Amino acid sequence: MKRTRIIGFVLALLWMIIIFLFSNQTAEVSDKISRNFVTAFIIEHYDGYASMETDKQIEFADTLDFAIRKTAHFMEYAILGFFYSIILYGYELDKKYNWVKFIIASSILCLIYSGSDEIHQLFVAGRNGNIKDVLIDTSGGVFGTVIFVLLIKVMQRFKNEY
């Protein structure tokens, strides 16, 4: 299990650095990446967009961009929650405690990192810290942890059957 913990630490640390780098982008850079790549790509491939009136196109693009950004928050932390779970599983918390405590432990780690990330954004040009983002991030962390637990349970079931 020691190797599992090391892998988990490395993955979590690398992912936390990636999250930090995204958060360290100015609002202008972050908006350009979001709008010019992801939102633009979806709009380009959405047949109904061209037939919308201009004000509806703007509203659609804004709504889509907001959904993409919040989904990105959720998914970033789902991945981090999964990586934290690898670390905790390496400590065999699943055997010492029940799975609920395991999920809570991983989620608290996500909450702490998300909170620190939002505080960090207070010092980045054009960005601000947002409690809603902490909640979205933590929810993503819970989701990633639950996915990990389900995968472990499925693997344990197959191991017991064969």
Protein backbone atom coordinates (compact mmCIF):
# COMPACT_ATOMS: atom_id res chain seq x y z
CA MET A 1 0.00 0.00 0.00
CA LYS A 2 2.98 2.34 0.39
CA ARG A 3 3.33 2.56 -3.40
CA THR A 4 -0.37 3.41 -3.66
CA ARG A 5 0.08 6.33 -1.25
CA ILE A 6 3.09 7.63 -3.19
CA ILE A 7 1.20 7.45 -6.48
CA GLY A 8 -1.75 9.20 -4.87
CA PHE A 9 0.46 11.95 -3.43
CA VAL A 10 2.19 12.54 -6.77
CA LEU A 11 -1.08 12.61 -8.72
CA ALA A 12 -2.78 14.89 -6.17
CA LEU A 13 0.20 17.24 -6.01
CA LEU A 14 0.46 17.52 -9.79
CA TRP A 15 -3.28 18.10 -10.06
CA MET A 16 -3.20 20.75 -7.31
CA ILE A 17 -0.44 22.53 -9.26
CA ILE A 18 -2.59 22.44 -12.40
CA ILE A 19 -5.56 23.88 -10.48
CA PHE A 20 -3.29 26.57 -9.03
CA LEU A 21 -2.02 27.51 -12.50
CA PHE A 22 -5.58 27.82 -13.83
CA SER A 23 -6.52 29.95 -10.82
CA ASN A 24 -3.44 32.10 -11.28
CA GLN A 25 -4.59 33.25 -14.72
CA THR A 26 -6.02 36.75 -14.82
CA ALA A 27 -9.75 37.03 -15.41
CA GLU A 28 -9.08 38.25 -18.94
CA VAL A 29 -6.92 35.24 -19.84
CA SER A 30 -9.31 32.79 -18.19
CA ASP A 31 -12.30 34.30 -20.02
CA LYS A 32 -10.50 34.14 -23.36
CA ILE A 33 -9.62 30.49 -22.92
CA SER A 34 -13.14 29.61 -21.88
CA ARG A 35 -14.96 31.64 -24.52
CA ASN A 36 -12.56 31.33 -27.45
CA PHE A 37 -12.01 27.61 -27.21
CA VAL A 38 -14.71 25.67 -25.40
CA THR A 39 -17.77 27.90 -25.79
CA ALA A 40 -16.83 28.85 -29.37
CA PHE A 41 -16.36 25.20 -30.29
CA ILE A 42 -19.80 24.23 -28.98
CA ILE A 43 -21.50 27.21 -30.62
CA GLU A 44 -19.78 26.43 -33.91
CA HIS A 45 -21.24 22.92 -33.85
CA TYR A 46 -24.72 23.86 -32.60
CA ASP A 47 -27.02 24.10 -35.61
CA GLY A 48 -29.67 26.23 -33.88
CA TYR A 49 -27.29 29.04 -32.94
CA ALA A 50 -27.23 30.74 -36.37
CA SER A 51 -31.02 30.99 -36.47
CA MET A 52 -31.20 32.83 -33.12
CA GLU A 53 -31.63 36.58 -32.87
CA THR A 54 -28.47 38.45 -31.84
CA ASP A 55 -29.60 39.12 -28.27
CA LYS A 56 -30.53 35.44 -27.89
CA GLN A 57 -27.13 34.42 -29.25
CA ILE A 58 -25.41 36.58 -26.63
CA GLU A 59 -27.63 35.21 -23.87
CA PHE A 60 -27.05 31.64 -25.05
CA ALA A 61 -23.25 32.15 -25.22
CA ASP A 62 -23.18 33.70 -21.73
CA THR A 63 -25.28 30.91 -20.23
CA LEU A 64 -23.21 28.26 -21.98
CA ASP A 65 -19.94 29.84 -20.84
CA PHE A 66 -21.19 30.01 -17.24
CA ALA A 67 -22.22 26.32 -17.34
CA ILE A 68 -18.86 25.33 -18.84
CA ARG A 69 -16.90 27.22 -16.19
CA LYS A 70 -18.87 25.73 -13.29
CA THR A 71 -18.68 22.24 -14.80
CA ALA A 72 -14.92 22.71 -15.10
CA HIS A 73 -14.78 23.62 -11.39
CA PHE A 74 -16.78 20.51 -10.52
CA MET A 75 -14.66 18.21 -12.69
CA GLU A 76 -11.32 19.64 -11.51
CA TYR A 77 -12.23 18.76 -7.96
CA ALA A 78 -13.85 15.43 -8.88
CA ILE A 79 -10.44 14.43 -10.19
CA LEU A 80 -8.74 15.83 -7.08
CA GLY A 81 -11.20 13.96 -4.82
CA PHE A 82 -10.40 10.77 -6.72
CA PHE A 83 -6.66 11.34 -6.22
CA TYR A 84 -7.14 12.13 -2.52
CA SER A 85 -9.05 8.86 -2.28
CA ILE A 86 -6.05 6.98 -3.64
CA ILE A 87 -3.96 8.48 -0.83
CA LEU A 88 -6.53 7.65 1.85
CA TYR A 89 -7.03 4.16 0.47
CA GLY A 90 -3.28 3.70 0.74
CA TYR A 91 -3.66 4.39 4.45
CA GLU A 92 -6.40 1.75 4.51
CA LEU A 93 -8.95 4.11 6.01
CA ASP A 94 -11.58 1.97 4.35
CA LYS A 95 -10.70 -0.90 6.69
CA LYS A 96 -10.27 1.11 9.89
CA TYR A 97 -13.37 3.23 9.39
CA ASN A 98 -16.52 2.95 7.36
CA TRP A 99 -16.85 4.32 3.83
CA VAL A 100 -18.82 7.35 4.98
CA LYS A 101 -15.87 8.54 7.08
CA PHE A 102 -13.59 7.83 4.12
CA ILE A 103 -15.75 10.04 1.87
CA ILE A 104 -15.91 12.75 4.53
CA ALA A 105 -12.11 12.75 4.96
CA SER A 106 -11.50 13.12 1.23
CA SER A 107 -14.20 15.78 0.94
CA ILE A 108 -12.67 17.81 3.78
CA LEU A 109 -9.33 17.77 1.95
CA CYS A 110 -11.09 19.07 -1.18
CA LEU A 111 -12.89 21.72 0.86
CA ILE A 112 -9.61 22.94 2.37
CA TYR A 113 -7.82 23.12 -0.96
CA SER A 114 -10.80 24.75 -2.67
CA GLY A 115 -11.04 27.37 0.09
CA SER A 116 -7.34 28.12 -0.18
CA ASP A 117 -7.69 28.34 -3.97
CA GLU A 118 -10.51 30.87 -3.70
CA ILE A 119 -8.45 32.93 -1.22
CA HIS A 120 -5.56 32.79 -3.71
CA GLN A 121 -7.85 34.18 -6.42
CA LEU A 122 -8.46 37.29 -4.30
CA PHE A 123 -4.87 38.27 -5.21
CA VAL A 124 -5.15 37.60 -8.97
CA ALA A 125 -6.06 40.48 -11.29
CA GLY A 126 -9.77 40.55 -12.11
CA ARG A 127 -10.52 37.42 -10.09
CA ASN A 128 -12.35 37.07 -6.81
CA GLY A 129 -12.95 34.40 -4.21
CA ASN A 130 -16.38 32.87 -4.35
CA ILE A 131 -18.11 30.72 -1.72
CA LYS A 132 -20.34 29.21 -4.43
CA ASP A 133 -17.24 27.94 -6.20
CA VAL A 134 -16.04 26.34 -2.95
CA LEU A 135 -19.38 24.52 -2.73
CA ILE A 136 -19.22 23.44 -6.38
CA ASP A 137 -15.60 22.33 -5.95
CA THR A 138 -16.36 20.39 -2.79
CA SER A 139 -19.35 18.74 -4.46
CA GLY A 140 -17.02 17.68 -7.25
CA GLY A 141 -14.62 16.27 -4.66
CA VAL A 142 -17.44 14.27 -3.07
CA PHE A 143 -18.43 12.98 -6.52
CA GLY A 144 -14.86 11.91 -7.35
CA THR A 145 -14.54 10.17 -4.00
CA VAL A 146 -17.84 8.33 -4.43
CA ILE A 147 -16.73 7.19 -7.90
CA PHE A 148 -13.51 5.87 -6.34
CA VAL A 149 -15.43 4.02 -3.60
CA LEU A 150 -17.78 2.47 -6.17
CA LEU A 151 -14.83 1.34 -8.30
CA ILE A 152 -13.16 -0.23 -5.26
CA LYS A 153 -16.38 -2.01 -4.31
CA VAL A 154 -16.79 -3.36 -7.85
CA MET A 155 -13.17 -4.52 -7.93
CA GLN A 156 -13.56 -6.19 -4.54
CA ARG A 157 -16.70 -7.96 -5.73
CA PHE A 158 -14.96 -9.27 -8.84
CA LYS A 159 -11.94 -10.31 -6.77
CA ASN A 160 -14.20 -12.29 -4.43
CA GLU A 161 -16.08 -13.94 -7.29
CA TYR A 162 -13.00 -15.17 -9.16
